Amino acid sequence: MTEKLGSKRNAPSRELDTFPNPNPERDYHIRIDSPEFTCLCPKTGQPDFAEIKLDYVPDQLCVELKSLKLYYWSFRNEGHFHEAVTNQIADDLIRVLHPRYLKITAIFNVRGGIYTTVEVEYHKDRP
């Protein structure tokens, strides 16, 4: 059975699904690259394109990839400054996953001759 385009299972969503970490006794990194992130410039309304690199050490939960894809997609028609959207993504993932470590690197494409990279890092054992 195929899913219809725009069906609830394929629609943008801020809901992040998780599954149990299969090896919670061990520290290991999960790295996910998403080269097609888009949002809008809040000043001009023009699209901003970025590669989002997620690196995290799970504790009890891992993020489910399809929900992460739909989560990123939910920003497509919204205006966000690069710094704000990167921090929002980090905050949402930290809230859902409670990881031991998380780093988000957002590499935005050139706009007006300027490249922007925003990095947010979180360590569970630090305030």
C-alpha atoms as a PDB file:
ATOM      1  CA  MET A   1       0.000   0.000   0.000  1.00  0.00           C
ATOM      2  CA  THR A   2       1.383   3.413  -0.903  1.00  0.00           C
ATOM      3  CA  GLU A   3       0.882   6.553   1.143  1.00  0.00           C
ATOM      4  CA  LYS A   4      -0.735   9.598  -0.415  1.00  0.00           C
ATOM      5  CA  LEU A   5       1.361  12.727  -0.708  1.00  0.00           C
ATOM      6  CA  GLY A   6       0.387  15.045   2.125  1.00  0.00           C
ATOM      7  CA  SER A   7      -1.100  12.265   4.234  1.00  0.00           C
ATOM      8  CA  LYS A   8      -0.626  12.637   7.981  1.00  0.00           C
ATOM      9  CA  ARG A   9       2.301  10.199   7.917  1.00  0.00           C
ATOM     10  CA  ASN A  10       4.051  12.311   5.280  1.00  0.00           C
ATOM     11  CA  ALA A  11       3.112  15.790   6.484  1.00  0.00           C
ATOM     12  CA  PRO A  12       5.483  18.178   8.261  1.00  0.00           C
ATOM     13  CA  SER A  13       5.258  17.750  12.030  1.00  0.00           C
ATOM     14  CA  ARG A  14       6.985  18.985  15.176  1.00  0.00           C
ATOM     15  CA  GLU A  15       6.400  15.588  16.793  1.00  0.00           C
ATOM     16  CA  LEU A  16       9.646  13.668  17.286  1.00  0.00           C
ATOM     17  CA  ASP A  17       9.276   9.911  17.713  1.00  0.00           C
ATOM     18  CA  THR A  18      11.765   7.836  19.652  1.00  0.00           C
ATOM     19  CA  PHE A  19      12.654   4.214  20.237  1.00  0.00           C
ATOM     20  CA  PRO A  20      14.604   2.529  23.053  1.00  0.00           C
ATOM     21  CA  ASN A  21      18.378   2.668  22.840  1.00  0.00           C
ATOM     22  CA  PRO A  22      19.458  -0.905  22.044  1.00  0.00           C
ATOM     23  CA  ASN A  23      22.719  -0.460  23.997  1.00  0.00           C
ATOM     24  CA  PRO A  24      22.165   2.032  26.847  1.00  0.00           C
ATOM     25  CA  GLU A  25      25.097   0.612  28.811  1.00  0.00           C
ATOM     26  CA  ARG A  26      27.574   1.970  26.213  1.00  0.00           C
ATOM     27  CA  ASP A  27      28.461   5.431  24.958  1.00  0.00           C
ATOM     28  CA  TYR A  28      28.331   5.598  21.165  1.00  0.00           C
ATOM     29  CA  HIS A  29      27.704   8.404  18.692  1.00  0.00           C
ATOM     30  CA  ILE A  30      24.839   8.604  16.245  1.00  0.00           C
ATOM     31  CA  ARG A  31      25.552  11.038  13.422  1.00  0.00           C
ATOM     32  CA  ILE A  32      22.803  12.134  11.057  1.00  0.00           C
ATOM     33  CA  ASP A  33      23.387  14.536   8.163  1.00  0.00           C
ATOM     34  CA  SER A  34      20.426  16.292   6.572  1.00  0.00           C
ATOM     35  CA  PRO A  35      21.596  18.340   3.568  1.00  0.00           C
ATOM     36  CA  GLU A  36      18.166  19.661   2.520  1.00  0.00           C
ATOM     37  CA  PHE A  37      16.973  21.789   5.463  1.00  0.00           C
ATOM     38  CA  THR A  38      15.079  24.932   4.501  1.00  0.00           C
ATOM     39  CA  CYS A  39      13.402  27.796   6.315  1.00  0.00           C
ATOM     40  CA  LEU A  40      12.651  31.388   5.367  1.00  0.00           C
ATOM     41  CA  CYS A  41      14.611  34.530   6.133  1.00  0.00           C
ATOM     42  CA  PRO A  42      12.449  36.450   8.634  1.00  0.00           C
ATOM     43  CA  LYS A  43      13.479  39.765   7.062  1.00  0.00           C
ATOM     44  CA  THR A  44      13.047  39.075   3.337  1.00  0.00           C
ATOM     45  CA  GLY A  45      10.934  35.915   3.172  1.00  0.00           C
ATOM     46  CA  GLN A  46      13.501  34.347   0.835  1.00  0.00           C
ATOM     47  CA  PRO A  47      14.439  30.705   1.401  1.00  0.00           C
ATOM     48  CA  ASP A  48      17.487  29.804   3.446  1.00  0.00           C
ATOM     49  CA  PHE A  49      19.101  26.439   2.718  1.00  0.00           C
ATOM     50  CA  ALA A  50      21.277  24.540   5.178  1.00  0.00           C
ATOM     51  CA  GLU A  51      22.857  21.235   5.999  1.00  0.00           C
ATOM     52  CA  ILE A  52      21.970  20.135   9.524  1.00  0.00           C
ATOM     53  CA  LYS A  53      24.465  17.803  11.169  1.00  0.00           C
ATOM     54  CA  LEU A  54      23.254  16.044  14.292  1.00  0.00           C
ATOM     55  CA  ASP A  55      25.725  14.181  16.506  1.00  0.00           C
ATOM     56  CA  TYR A  56      24.482  12.684  19.751  1.00  0.00           C
ATOM     57  CA  VAL A  57      25.238  10.044  22.355  1.00  0.00           C
ATOM     58  CA  PRO A  58      21.910   8.528  23.349  1.00  0.00           C
ATOM     59  CA  ASP A  59      20.955   7.675  26.891  1.00  0.00           C
ATOM     60  CA  GLN A  60      17.693   5.698  26.993  1.00  0.00           C
ATOM     61  CA  LEU A  61      16.165   6.893  23.706  1.00  0.00           C
ATOM     62  CA  CYS A  62      17.098   7.340  20.040  1.00  0.00           C
ATOM     63  CA  VAL A  63      15.308   9.561  17.524  1.00  0.00           C
ATOM     64  CA  GLU A  64      13.350   7.841  14.758  1.00  0.00           C
ATOM     65  CA  LEU A  65      14.600   9.057  11.378  1.00  0.00           C
ATOM     66  CA  LYS A  66      11.319   9.590   9.519  1.00  0.00           C
ATOM     67  CA  SER A  67       9.967  11.740  12.338  1.00  0.00           C
ATOM     68  CA  LEU A  68      13.221  13.735  12.299  1.00  0.00           C
ATOM     69  CA  LYS A  69      12.842  14.298   8.547  1.00  0.00           C
ATOM     70  CA  LEU A  70       9.236  15.494   8.988  1.00  0.00           C
ATOM     71  CA  TYR A  71      10.326  17.655  11.942  1.00  0.00           C
ATOM     72  CA  TYR A  72      12.970  19.403   9.824  1.00  0.00           C
ATOM     73  CA  TRP A  73      10.412  19.814   7.041  1.00  0.00           C
ATOM     74  CA  SER A  74       8.071  21.664   9.444  1.00  0.00           C
ATOM     75  CA  PHE A  75      10.374  24.719   9.338  1.00  0.00           C
ATOM     76  CA  ARG A  76      10.174  25.083   5.547  1.00  0.00           C
ATOM     77  CA  ASN A  77       7.533  27.846   5.428  1.00  0.00           C
ATOM     78  CA  GLU A  78       8.487  29.652   8.629  1.00  0.00           C
ATOM     79  CA  GLY A  79      10.778  32.642   9.131  1.00  0.00           C
ATOM     80  CA  HIS A  80      13.721  31.966  11.464  1.00  0.00           C
ATOM     81  CA  PHE A  81      17.096  33.523  12.107  1.00  0.00           C
ATOM     82  CA  HIS A  82      19.879  30.943  11.728  1.00  0.00           C
ATOM     83  CA  GLU A  83      20.861  31.177  15.392  1.00  0.00           C
ATOM     84  CA  ALA A  84      17.292  30.797  16.650  1.00  0.00           C
ATOM     85  CA  VAL A  85      16.332  27.815  14.499  1.00  0.00           C
ATOM     86  CA  THR A  86      19.532  25.937  15.356  1.00  0.00           C
ATOM     87  CA  ASN A  87      18.930  26.447  19.070  1.00  0.00           C
ATOM     88  CA  GLN A  88      15.268  25.461  18.736  1.00  0.00           C
ATOM     89  CA  ILE A  89      16.237  22.192  17.043  1.00  0.00           C
ATOM     90  CA  ALA A  90      18.745  21.493  19.822  1.00  0.00           C
ATOM     91  CA  ASP A  91      16.213  22.338  22.556  1.00  0.00           C
ATOM     92  CA  ASP A  92      13.521  20.111  21.032  1.00  0.00           C
ATOM     93  CA  LEU A  93      15.867  17.144  20.623  1.00  0.00           C
ATOM     94  CA  ILE A  94      17.270  17.549  24.149  1.00  0.00           C
ATOM     95  CA  ARG A  95      13.736  17.744  25.579  1.00  0.00           C
ATOM     96  CA  VAL A  96      12.649  14.527  23.835  1.00  0.00           C
ATOM     97  CA  LEU A  97      15.834  12.443  23.984  1.00  0.00           C
ATOM     98  CA  HIS A  98      17.610  13.523  27.196  1.00  0.00           C
ATOM     99  CA  PRO A  99      20.878  12.530  25.498  1.00  0.00           C
ATOM    100  CA  ARG A 100      24.235  12.199  27.220  1.00  0.00           C
ATOM    101  CA  TYR A 101      25.692  14.498  24.571  1.00  0.00           C
ATOM    102  CA  LEU A 102      24.292  16.395  21.586  1.00  0.00           C
ATOM    103  CA  LYS A 103      25.745  18.705  18.982  1.00  0.00           C
ATOM    104  CA  ILE A 104      23.877  20.420  16.170  1.00  0.00           C
ATOM    105  CA  THR A 105      25.839  22.058  13.378  1.00  0.00           C
ATOM    106  CA  ALA A 106      23.804  24.117  10.912  1.00  0.00           C
ATOM    107  CA  ILE A 107      25.761  25.091   7.813  1.00  0.00           C
ATOM    108  CA  PHE A 108      23.750  27.684   5.897  1.00  0.00           C
ATOM    109  CA  ASN A 109      24.389  28.294   2.209  1.00  0.00           C
ATOM    110  CA  VAL A 110      25.782  31.581   1.013  1.00  0.00           C
ATOM    111  CA  ARG A 111      23.502  34.612   1.168  1.00  0.00           C
ATOM    112  CA  GLY A 112      24.854  37.975   0.027  1.00  0.00           C
ATOM    113  CA  GLY A 113      28.412  36.643  -0.002  1.00  0.00           C
ATOM    114  CA  ILE A 114      28.240  35.388   3.612  1.00  0.00           C
ATOM    115  CA  TYR A 115      28.187  31.815   4.859  1.00  0.00           C
ATOM    116  CA  THR A 116      26.849  31.158   8.358  1.00  0.00           C
ATOM    117  CA  THR A 117      27.546  28.127  10.525  1.00  0.00           C
ATOM    118  CA  VAL A 118      25.856  27.798  13.910  1.00  0.00           C
ATOM    119  CA  GLU A 119      26.882  25.118  16.409  1.00  0.00           C
ATOM    120  CA  VAL A 120      25.022  24.209  19.585  1.00  0.00           C
ATOM    121  CA  GLU A 121      26.541  21.731  22.016  1.00  0.00           C
ATOM    122  CA  TYR A 122      24.979  20.063  25.062  1.00  0.00           C
ATOM    123  CA  HIS A 123      26.520  17.833  27.728  1.00  0.00           C
ATOM    124  CA  LYS A 124      24.176  16.124  30.191  1.00  0.00           C
ATOM    125  CA  ASP A 125      26.697  16.419  33.018  1.00  0.00           C
ATOM    126  CA  ARG A 126      27.156  20.192  32.600  1.00  0.00           C
ATOM    127  CA  PRO A 127      24.733  22.920  33.708  1.00  0.00           C
END
